[in-house]
Amino acid sequence: MRANDKGADFVIIGVINENSPACFISQSKDSIKSPTDFQGKTVGILPFGSTGIVYKILLKKTGLDASKIKELTVYPDLKVFLIGKSHQVQPAFIYDETVSLDIENIKYNVIEPKNYGVVFKGPCYFTTRATIEKNTKLVQAFVSTMAEGMNEAIKEPAKAISALKWLSSDINSDRELKVWSRGLEYYKGFNGQPLTTDIASWKEMAEELKSFNEIKNEPDLNKLLNLSFINSYYKK
């Protein structure tokens, strides 16, 4: 959206996470269970990614005063967070860092922005409009392959992780299976169809981006999103 706002012509052809997996975690001992509890605490911020924007929208939705929160730019790594001296709230992906904490038997609380009215999309696949026009079959093949793989992985998670292990022997299969299982709800797509999305639901996200000057113009969602390839896959 930001690139297109500056003159690019990118088109989204598949949405990996219909809802952003961005969340905020705290150790149970700090008793931070809702955004309201951020006040008077130090909250870790990842300002250059989507999680930073989700944080801004969360404050806006909950009416919190940012001046009452100490914000600290942090790394995604959990080591500093677990020491507990620099910040009490860590930005995270709900199906990644939470699994790491479970493995270490660390008790924690999770604050999910979507539970507070935040509408924001997760990662997606995109290409240029020129690629779509000149290499339609290539784009269709890519989208169909990714959708097929996603659907198979949802049906048989253990088989999918086994294939991943074959490709990358150094992964921890048990951990990756837990990550995938926890993230399934985020990968199932709109109406239970992976890589699909509800175009109308993007309007609020676009408006929020505009309100924070991330973009200057409201995008034409019918040009931004081309669902013809994923729709063609499901029709077949």
Foldseek 3Di string as FASTA:
>chain_A
DLVVLVPAAKAFAFAQFQFALKWKKFFVVLVDAEPVSQFQFEAEAQCPDVNNLLVVVLCVLVVHDCVRHHYDHDDQDCPVCVVPPRGGMYIDGNLAVVLVCVVVVTHMHIYDSVVSVDRDGHDTDMDGVVCCVPPVVVVLVVLLVVQVLLVVCLVPVLVNLVVVCVVPVPDDSVSVSSSCVRCVVRQLEDPRRGRYYDLVSCQVVQVSCCVVVSHVDRDDSCSRYDHPSVVVSVVD
